[in-house]
């Protein structure tokens, strides 16, 4: 009897700790019987990440809801059904499953036009973000909010977890002259907010074009906390783009994504470990790993690797470098890792200057993603991380205080 009771308690504990602990915005909306959208004509901005815990698409959920009228969809990068590659222009089409028109927000237009919004009462956003400023879905969010404000349409954001958690914030706030689709707003590179919180922040701080504000409602999650990893939510992960196949991939995106804009050094995109690697033909893997590990950067270990990328940088060539491992994610820096790699690579192979080896146009993209050219210009004077650390973190304290007013979760 006691043995059976013990196993029953163990089963209860196990199910409560490994089961779903977080309800996403779409699930909260379902539980409320879609009352926030009842009898409204809906335009939906989504992609394959817009699902509930049962893997049902938000498209299908809203299309089938008896008291909701799904009238149009709007496609970000990669398409509403995930059938476009990175950077590909998305075309207008009719979704064959729902017979609902789909307008592109990643082609000629990145912002919904009045014609696209004709007959729409509420614009709904349901996309899983990855917590880094240069990931273009949040740019789409802000531009949609502007369009909603300009066309007197309500905006509803169905909130989802930030897979980086809600504590880490890193990077300069984007300077005005470097605003672009890959750095659309004056926020840090690692911004530490959910999409719902970010929407409230942009709206409340008048950061949309011309300071406009939309009629905004965020459908909060239930059960999410800022310290949570994505795995702790119990929610399923759907690849948010081809190179973010797993929830932990989001943690590596800021590790190498800025350097990756130069297309000189492989960062694992084109191999099986996107954003987790740094490698080139001219590197010696053991030397680079030894140098980096000798820095004793908290929460990190660098392992020597050798591989041939299947596509992208160094396709088909044997290259050498390091794989980044988190030994303590909470203590590890994210976005400065690429600069530590550049620092040590320059010590070992000063003749291989990545900023000279890249196409000149890539320098501009590097600066846009960094949020300023000051990082590159200051770093390349001595190739030392210590020379840019103060620049990289100078805005964080002020930004955190400003953003905290819009936090929805503890």
Protein backbone atom coordinates (compact mmCIF):
# COMPACT_ATOMS: atom_id res chain seq x y z
CA UNK A 1 0.00 0.00 0.00
CA UNK A 2 2.77 2.40 0.99
CA UNK A 3 4.69 1.46 -2.12
CA UNK A 4 1.67 2.25 -4.32
CA UNK A 5 1.15 5.55 -2.49
CA UNK A 6 4.83 6.44 -3.00
CA UNK A 7 4.61 5.83 -6.74
CA UNK A 8 1.34 7.77 -6.97
CA UNK A 9 2.98 10.77 -5.28
CA UNK A 10 6.06 10.42 -7.50
CA UNK A 11 3.86 10.33 -10.59
CA UNK A 12 1.99 13.44 -9.42
CA UNK A 13 5.25 15.32 -8.79
CA UNK A 14 6.67 14.24 -12.14
CA UNK A 15 3.58 15.24 -14.09
CA UNK A 16 3.43 18.62 -12.39
CA UNK A 17 7.10 19.44 -13.06
CA UNK A 18 7.45 18.20 -16.60
CA UNK A 19 3.97 19.05 -17.85
CA UNK A 20 2.73 22.29 -19.32
CA UNK A 21 3.10 25.18 -16.89
CA UNK A 22 2.43 28.09 -19.27
CA UNK A 23 -0.59 28.95 -21.37
CA UNK A 24 0.22 31.03 -24.42
CA UNK A 25 -1.96 33.95 -25.50
CA UNK A 26 -3.85 31.90 -28.07
CA UNK A 27 -4.77 29.33 -25.39
CA UNK A 28 -5.96 32.01 -22.98
CA UNK A 29 -8.03 33.44 -25.83
CA UNK A 30 -9.52 30.01 -26.53
CA UNK A 31 -10.29 29.48 -22.84
CA UNK A 32 -12.12 32.83 -22.81
CA UNK A 33 -14.15 31.72 -25.84
CA UNK A 34 -12.55 34.42 -28.00
CA UNK A 35 -14.53 37.12 -26.22
CA UNK A 36 -11.93 39.78 -27.09
CA UNK A 37 -12.50 39.09 -30.81
CA UNK A 38 -16.19 38.15 -30.74
CA UNK A 39 -18.13 39.17 -33.85
CA UNK A 40 -15.11 41.06 -35.24
CA UNK A 41 -13.55 40.85 -38.67
CA UNK A 42 -10.00 39.68 -38.03
CA UNK A 43 -6.72 40.13 -39.86
CA UNK A 44 -4.08 37.69 -38.57
CA UNK A 45 -0.30 38.12 -38.66
CA UNK A 46 1.23 34.72 -37.93
CA UNK A 47 3.46 31.89 -39.10
CA UNK A 48 3.94 28.21 -38.12
CA UNK A 49 4.95 29.21 -34.57
CA UNK A 50 1.40 30.41 -33.95
CA UNK A 51 0.08 27.21 -32.37
CA UNK A 52 -1.47 26.07 -29.12
CA UNK A 53 -0.11 23.30 -26.89
CA UNK A 54 -2.00 20.72 -28.98
CA UNK A 55 -0.13 21.87 -32.12
CA UNK A 56 -3.28 23.42 -33.58
CA UNK A 57 -2.51 26.44 -35.77
CA UNK A 58 -3.84 29.83 -34.73
CA UNK A 59 -4.98 30.16 -38.33
CA UNK A 60 -7.21 27.13 -38.04
CA UNK A 61 -8.30 27.95 -34.49
CA UNK A 62 -9.53 31.42 -35.46
CA UNK A 63 -10.97 30.24 -38.77
CA UNK A 64 -13.03 27.59 -36.99
CA UNK A 65 -14.13 29.77 -34.06
CA UNK A 66 -17.89 30.31 -34.49
CA UNK A 67 -17.88 33.87 -33.15
CA UNK A 68 -14.79 35.12 -35.08
CA UNK A 69 -14.55 36.14 -38.73
CA UNK A 70 -11.05 35.55 -40.12
CA UNK A 71 -11.00 37.79 -43.18
CA UNK A 72 -7.30 38.16 -44.07
CA UNK A 73 -3.81 37.04 -43.13
CA UNK A 74 -0.49 38.84 -43.35
CA UNK A 75 2.75 37.03 -43.95
CA UNK A 76 6.08 37.94 -42.31
CA UNK A 77 9.46 36.60 -43.44
CA UNK A 78 9.29 32.83 -44.18
CA UNK A 79 5.50 32.90 -44.85
CA UNK A 80 2.39 32.12 -42.79
CA UNK A 81 2.84 28.40 -43.45
CA UNK A 82 6.67 28.51 -43.28
CA UNK A 83 7.22 27.83 -46.97
CA UNK A 84 9.74 30.62 -47.75
CA UNK A 85 13.48 30.68 -47.07
CA UNK A 86 15.32 33.47 -45.23
CA UNK A 87 15.27 36.70 -47.21
CA UNK A 88 12.88 35.38 -49.89
CA UNK A 89 10.14 37.76 -50.96
CA UNK A 90 6.73 36.48 -49.96
CA UNK A 91 4.00 36.80 -52.59
CA UNK A 92 0.25 37.43 -52.28
CA UNK A 93 -1.82 34.24 -52.43
CA UNK A 94 -4.97 32.59 -51.13
CA UNK A 95 -4.45 30.08 -48.35
CA UNK A 96 -5.76 26.79 -49.82
CA UNK A 97 -6.87 25.39 -46.44
CA UNK A 98 -9.02 28.34 -45.34
CA UNK A 99 -9.56 30.17 -48.64
CA UNK A 100 -8.48 33.36 -46.83
CA UNK A 101 -6.34 35.91 -48.72
CA UNK A 102 -2.73 36.24 -47.53
CA UNK A 103 -0.95 39.58 -47.99
CA UNK A 104 2.82 39.79 -47.93
CA UNK A 105 4.68 41.85 -45.36
CA UNK A 106 8.05 40.68 -46.66
CA UNK A 107 8.22 41.88 -50.23
CA UNK A 108 7.20 45.17 -51.79
CA UNK A 109 5.39 46.08 -48.56
CA UNK A 110 6.65 45.48 -45.03
CA UNK A 111 3.76 47.38 -43.52
CA UNK A 112 0.06 46.66 -44.15
CA UNK A 113 -1.44 49.18 -46.58
CA UNK A 114 -4.94 50.64 -46.23
CA UNK A 115 -6.10 48.37 -49.07
CA UNK A 116 -4.81 45.30 -47.23
CA UNK A 117 -6.69 46.36 -44.11
CA UNK A 118 -9.98 47.20 -45.78
CA UNK A 119 -12.90 45.63 -43.89
CA UNK A 120 -10.72 44.61 -40.89
CA UNK A 121 -11.81 45.48 -37.34
CA UNK A 122 -8.95 43.91 -35.39
CA UNK A 123 -5.37 43.07 -36.36
CA UNK A 124 -4.09 40.06 -34.40
CA UNK A 125 -0.40 39.20 -33.99
CA UNK A 126 0.67 35.68 -32.96
CA UNK A 127 4.33 34.88 -33.67
CA UNK A 128 7.00 33.34 -31.46
CA UNK A 129 9.92 35.77 -31.06
CA UNK A 130 13.48 34.75 -30.09
CA UNK A 131 14.45 37.76 -27.97
CA UNK A 132 17.03 39.43 -30.26
CA UNK A 133 16.48 42.82 -31.90
CA UNK A 134 17.63 41.83 -35.40
CA UNK A 135 15.07 39.04 -35.75
CA UNK A 136 12.61 40.66 -38.14
CA UNK A 137 9.30 39.47 -36.68
CA UNK A 138 9.34 42.25 -34.08
CA UNK A 139 9.96 44.78 -36.87
CA UNK A 140 6.82 43.43 -38.52
CA UNK A 141 5.00 43.80 -35.19
CA UNK A 142 5.91 47.48 -34.86
CA UNK A 143 5.02 48.32 -38.45
CA UNK A 144 1.67 46.54 -38.05
CA UNK A 145 1.00 48.61 -34.94
CA UNK A 146 1.70 51.77 -36.93
CA UNK A 147 -0.70 50.65 -39.65
CA UNK A 148 -3.36 49.83 -37.06
CA UNK A 149 -3.02 53.30 -35.53
CA UNK A 150 -3.15 55.03 -38.91
CA UNK A 151 -6.24 53.10 -39.99
CA UNK A 152 -8.16 53.19 -36.67
CA UNK A 153 -7.97 49.42 -36.25
CA UNK A 154 -7.53 47.70 -32.91
CA UNK A 155 -4.33 45.70 -32.39
CA UNK A 156 -4.34 42.51 -30.32
CA UNK A 157 -1.08 40.72 -29.47
CA UNK A 158 -1.27 37.09 -28.35
CA UNK A 159 1.71 36.84 -26.03
CA UNK A 160 4.36 34.13 -26.01
CA UNK A 161 7.49 33.42 -23.93
CA UNK A 162 10.83 35.05 -24.61
CA UNK A 163 13.06 31.96 -25.00
CA UNK A 164 16.05 33.94 -23.67
CA UNK A 165 14.06 34.62 -20.51
CA UNK A 166 13.03 38.03 -19.27
CA UNK A 167 16.19 38.98 -17.39
CA UNK A 168 19.09 39.18 -19.85
CA UNK A 169 19.52 42.53 -21.62
CA UNK A 170 22.59 43.22 -23.75
CA UNK A 171 23.77 45.64 -26.39
CA UNK A 172 23.53 49.28 -27.32
CA UNK A 173 20.15 50.83 -27.95
CA UNK A 174 19.96 51.41 -31.71
CA UNK A 175 21.14 54.87 -32.72
CA UNK A 176 18.75 56.86 -34.96
CA UNK A 177 20.91 56.69 -38.09
CA UNK A 178 21.11 52.89 -37.86
CA UNK A 179 17.39 52.20 -37.66
CA UNK A 180 16.50 49.56 -40.27
CA UNK A 181 14.33 46.48 -40.71
CA UNK A 182 16.96 44.50 -38.75
CA UNK A 183 17.07 47.11 -35.96
CA UNK A 184 13.70 48.81 -36.26
CA UNK A 185 13.50 50.30 -32.76
CA UNK A 186 15.71 51.91 -30.09
CA UNK A 187 15.99 48.80 -27.91
CA UNK A 188 19.02 46.68 -26.88
CA UNK A 189 20.20 43.80 -29.01
CA UNK A 190 18.97 41.32 -26.36
CA UNK A 191 15.83 43.12 -25.23
CA UNK A 192 14.49 40.91 -22.41
CA UNK A 193 10.79 41.36 -23.19
CA UNK A 194 7.97 39.23 -24.50
CA UNK A 195 6.32 40.45 -27.71
CA UNK A 196 3.36 41.65 -25.67
CA UNK A 197 5.58 43.68 -23.37
CA UNK A 198 7.52 45.03 -26.33
CA UNK A 199 4.29 46.12 -28.01
CA UNK A 200 3.21 47.93 -24.84
CA UNK A 201 6.64 49.56 -24.60
CA UNK A 202 6.67 50.78 -28.21
CA UNK A 203 3.15 52.09 -27.88
CA UNK A 204 3.51 53.65 -24.45
CA UNK A 205 6.86 55.32 -25.19
CA UNK A 206 5.64 56.77 -28.51
CA UNK A 207 8.34 54.88 -30.43
CA UNK A 208 6.22 54.15 -33.48
CA UNK A 209 6.54 56.40 -36.51
CA UNK A 210 5.55 60.02 -35.76
CA UNK A 211 4.80 58.94 -32.19
CA UNK A 212 1.46 57.37 -33.11
CA UNK A 213 -0.28 55.05 -30.66
CA UNK A 214 -2.64 52.25 -31.54
CA UNK A 215 -5.61 50.85 -29.64
CA UNK A 216 -3.62 47.94 -28.17
CA UNK A 217 -4.61 44.91 -26.13
CA UNK A 218 -2.23 42.16 -25.07
CA UNK A 219 -3.65 38.73 -24.25
CA UNK A 220 -1.33 37.74 -21.43
CA UNK A 221 0.10 34.30 -20.91
CA UNK A 222 -0.67 32.39 -17.76
CA UNK A 223 2.09 30.78 -15.72
CA UNK A 224 5.13 32.43 -17.30
CA UNK A 225 7.92 33.94 -15.21
CA UNK A 226 10.91 35.99 -16.33
CA UNK A 227 13.41 33.41 -15.05
CA UNK A 228 11.92 30.53 -17.04
CA UNK A 229 13.62 28.69 -19.86
CA UNK A 230 11.40 27.76 -22.78
CA UNK A 231 11.62 24.10 -21.81
CA UNK A 232 10.15 24.94 -18.40
CA UNK A 233 6.99 26.30 -20.02
CA UNK A 234 5.97 22.87 -21.30
CA UNK A 235 4.99 24.50 -24.60
CA UNK A 236 5.98 22.86 -27.89
CA UNK A 237 8.68 24.56 -29.95
CA UNK A 238 8.12 25.02 -33.67
CA UNK A 239 11.14 26.24 -35.67
CA UNK A 240 10.67 29.99 -35.90
CA UNK A 241 12.86 30.00 -39.03
CA UNK A 242 15.01 27.34 -40.73
CA UNK A 243 18.08 28.14 -38.62
CA UNK A 244 16.23 28.26 -35.28
CA UNK A 245 15.16 24.60 -35.20
CA UNK A 246 15.12 24.27 -31.39
CA UNK A 247 14.25 26.54 -28.47
CA UNK A 248 17.90 26.55 -27.39
CA UNK A 249 18.88 27.76 -30.87
CA UNK A 250 17.42 31.12 -29.87
CA UNK A 251 20.05 31.39 -27.11
CA UNK A 252 22.84 30.98 -29.66
CA UNK A 253 21.46 33.44 -32.21
CA UNK A 254 22.90 36.48 -30.36
CA UNK A 255 26.16 34.57 -29.75
CA UNK A 256 27.25 34.77 -33.39
CA UNK A 257 24.53 36.47 -35.43
CA UNK A 258 26.23 39.87 -35.68
CA UNK A 259 29.53 38.42 -36.87
CA UNK A 260 27.60 36.18 -39.25
CA UNK A 261 26.50 39.26 -41.19
CA UNK A 262 30.02 39.54 -42.64
CA UNK A 263 29.84 36.12 -44.37
CA UNK A 264 33.56 35.52 -43.75
CA UNK A 265 33.65 33.09 -40.82
CA UNK A 266 31.26 30.14 -40.57
CA UNK A 267 28.92 30.39 -37.58
CA UNK A 268 27.36 26.97 -38.11
CA UNK A 269 24.62 28.17 -40.46
CA UNK A 270 24.87 25.67 -43.29
CA UNK A 271 25.88 22.92 -40.88
CA UNK A 272 24.01 21.06 -38.13
CA UNK A 273 24.70 23.55 -35.31
CA UNK A 274 23.48 26.98 -36.45
CA UNK A 275 24.91 29.93 -34.48
CA UNK A 276 26.89 27.61 -32.15
CA UNK A 277 30.15 27.51 -34.11
CA UNK A 278 32.98 29.79 -35.24
CA UNK A 279 35.29 28.34 -37.88
CA UNK A 280 37.42 29.09 -40.95
CA UNK A 281 40.03 27.31 -43.08
CA UNK A 282 42.82 29.44 -41.65
CA UNK A 283 42.08 28.70 -37.99
CA UNK A 284 43.68 26.13 -35.73
CA UNK A 285 40.89 24.72 -33.59
CA UNK A 286 43.00 23.79 -30.55
CA UNK A 287 44.77 27.13 -30.43
CA UNK A 288 41.51 29.09 -30.61
CA UNK A 289 39.80 26.90 -28.00
CA UNK A 290 42.78 27.16 -25.63
CA UNK A 291 42.92 30.94 -25.95
CA UNK A 292 39.20 31.36 -25.37
CA UNK A 293 39.05 28.98 -22.41
CA UNK A 294 42.05 30.78 -20.87
CA UNK A 295 39.85 33.89 -20.62
CA UNK A 296 37.66 32.07 -18.05
CA UNK A 297 34.46 33.69 -19.30
CA UNK A 298 31.73 32.78 -16.84
CA UNK A 299 29.26 30.15 -17.95
CA UNK A 300 31.11 29.17 -21.14
CA UNK A 301 33.35 26.47 -22.56
CA UNK A 302 34.82 26.34 -26.06
CA UNK A 303 35.43 22.96 -27.70
CA UNK A 304 37.64 22.44 -30.79
CA UNK A 305 35.66 21.38 -33.90
CA UNK A 306 36.33 20.48 -37.54
CA UNK A 307 33.55 20.25 -40.14
CA UNK A 308 32.47 20.83 -43.74
CA UNK A 309 29.43 23.12 -44.15
CA UNK A 310 26.76 21.79 -46.48
CA UNK A 311 25.94 25.30 -47.73
CA UNK A 312 26.60 28.98 -47.00
CA UNK A 313 30.06 30.20 -45.87
CA UNK A 314 32.90 27.74 -46.68
CA UNK A 315 30.52 25.29 -48.34
CA UNK A 316 32.21 21.90 -48.86
CA UNK A 317 35.51 23.00 -47.34
CA UNK A 318 37.07 21.52 -44.21
CA UNK A 319 37.17 24.27 -41.63
CA UNK A 320 38.37 24.48 -38.06
CA UNK A 321 37.23 26.38 -35.00
CA UNK A 322 35.21 26.10 -31.82
CA UNK A 323 31.77 25.13 -30.60
CA UNK A 324 30.28 27.28 -27.83
CA UNK A 325 28.87 25.40 -24.84
CA UNK A 326 26.90 26.98 -22.01
CA UNK A 327 28.02 25.63 -18.64
CA UNK A 328 25.84 28.19 -16.82
CA UNK A 329 23.46 30.05 -19.11
CA UNK A 330 22.41 32.53 -16.43
CA UNK A 331 26.00 33.74 -15.91
CA UNK A 332 27.12 33.62 -19.53
CA UNK A 333 27.20 36.71 -21.73
CA UNK A 334 25.57 36.11 -25.09
CA UNK A 335 26.23 38.83 -27.63
CA UNK A 336 29.81 39.61 -26.59
CA UNK A 337 30.98 36.04 -27.28
CA UNK A 338 31.51 36.80 -30.98
CA UNK A 339 33.75 39.71 -30.06
CA UNK A 340 35.83 37.50 -27.74
CA UNK A 341 36.24 35.10 -30.67
CA UNK A 342 37.34 37.98 -32.91
CA UNK A 343 39.74 39.19 -30.22
CA UNK A 344 41.49 35.84 -29.87
CA UNK A 345 41.42 35.06 -33.61
CA UNK A 346 43.11 38.39 -34.29
CA UNK A 347 45.83 37.62 -31.73
CA UNK A 348 46.51 34.29 -33.44
CA UNK A 349 46.00 35.27 -37.09
CA UNK A 350 46.24 39.08 -37.44
CA UNK A 351 46.64 38.78 -41.21
CA UNK A 352 43.02 37.58 -41.46
CA UNK A 353 41.01 40.73 -40.74
CA UNK A 354 37.35 39.78 -41.15
CA UNK A 355 36.35 43.41 -41.75
CA UNK A 356 38.75 43.57 -44.71
CA UNK A 357 37.92 40.10 -46.00
CA UNK A 358 34.18 40.77 -46.25
CA UNK A 359 32.35 42.50 -49.07
CA UNK A 360 32.29 46.25 -48.31
CA UNK A 361 28.47 46.31 -48.23
CA UNK A 362 28.48 43.81 -45.39
CA UNK A 363 30.08 46.36 -43.06
CA UNK A 364 26.90 48.43 -43.23
CA UNK A 365 24.80 45.41 -42.31
CA UNK A 366 27.13 44.57 -39.41
CA UNK A 367 26.70 48.11 -38.09
CA UNK A 368 22.91 48.08 -38.52
CA UNK A 369 22.61 44.83 -36.59
CA UNK A 370 25.00 46.18 -33.94
CA UNK A 371 22.87 49.31 -33.71
CA UNK A 372 25.82 51.62 -34.38
CA UNK A 373 29.17 51.78 -36.17
CA UNK A 374 30.82 52.81 -32.90
CA UNK A 375 31.22 49.17 -31.84
CA UNK A 376 33.16 48.16 -34.96
CA UNK A 377 35.24 51.33 -35.10
CA UNK A 378 36.23 51.19 -31.43
CA UNK A 379 36.85 47.45 -31.40
CA UNK A 380 39.16 47.44 -34.41
CA UNK A 381 41.52 49.98 -32.84
CA UNK A 382 43.02 47.32 -30.55
CA UNK A 383 40.78 44.26 -31.07
CA UNK A 384 39.96 44.05 -27.37
CA UNK A 385 36.54 43.36 -25.88
CA UNK A 386 37.36 45.56 -22.90
CA UNK A 387 37.39 48.56 -25.25
CA UNK A 388 33.73 48.10 -26.23
CA UNK A 389 32.21 46.64 -23.07
CA UNK A 390 31.22 50.04 -21.71
CA UNK A 391 29.62 50.97 -25.05
CA UNK A 392 27.80 47.65 -25.30
CA UNK A 393 26.21 47.92 -21.86
CA UNK A 394 25.97 51.69 -21.37
CA UNK A 395 22.22 51.87 -22.12
CA UNK A 396 21.06 48.80 -20.20
CA UNK A 397 20.40 50.28 -16.76
CA UNK A 398 18.31 53.14 -18.12
CA UNK A 399 16.52 50.91 -20.61
CA UNK A 400 15.66 48.27 -17.99
CA UNK A 401 14.09 50.92 -15.76
CA UNK A 402 12.14 52.34 -18.69
CA UNK A 403 10.99 48.94 -19.95
CA UNK A 404 10.02 47.63 -16.49
CA UNK A 405 6.95 49.88 -16.50
CA UNK A 406 5.52 47.61 -19.20
CA UNK A 407 6.44 44.23 -17.72
CA UNK A 408 3.45 41.89 -17.49
CA UNK A 409 5.24 39.12 -15.59
CA UNK A 410 7.46 38.80 -12.53
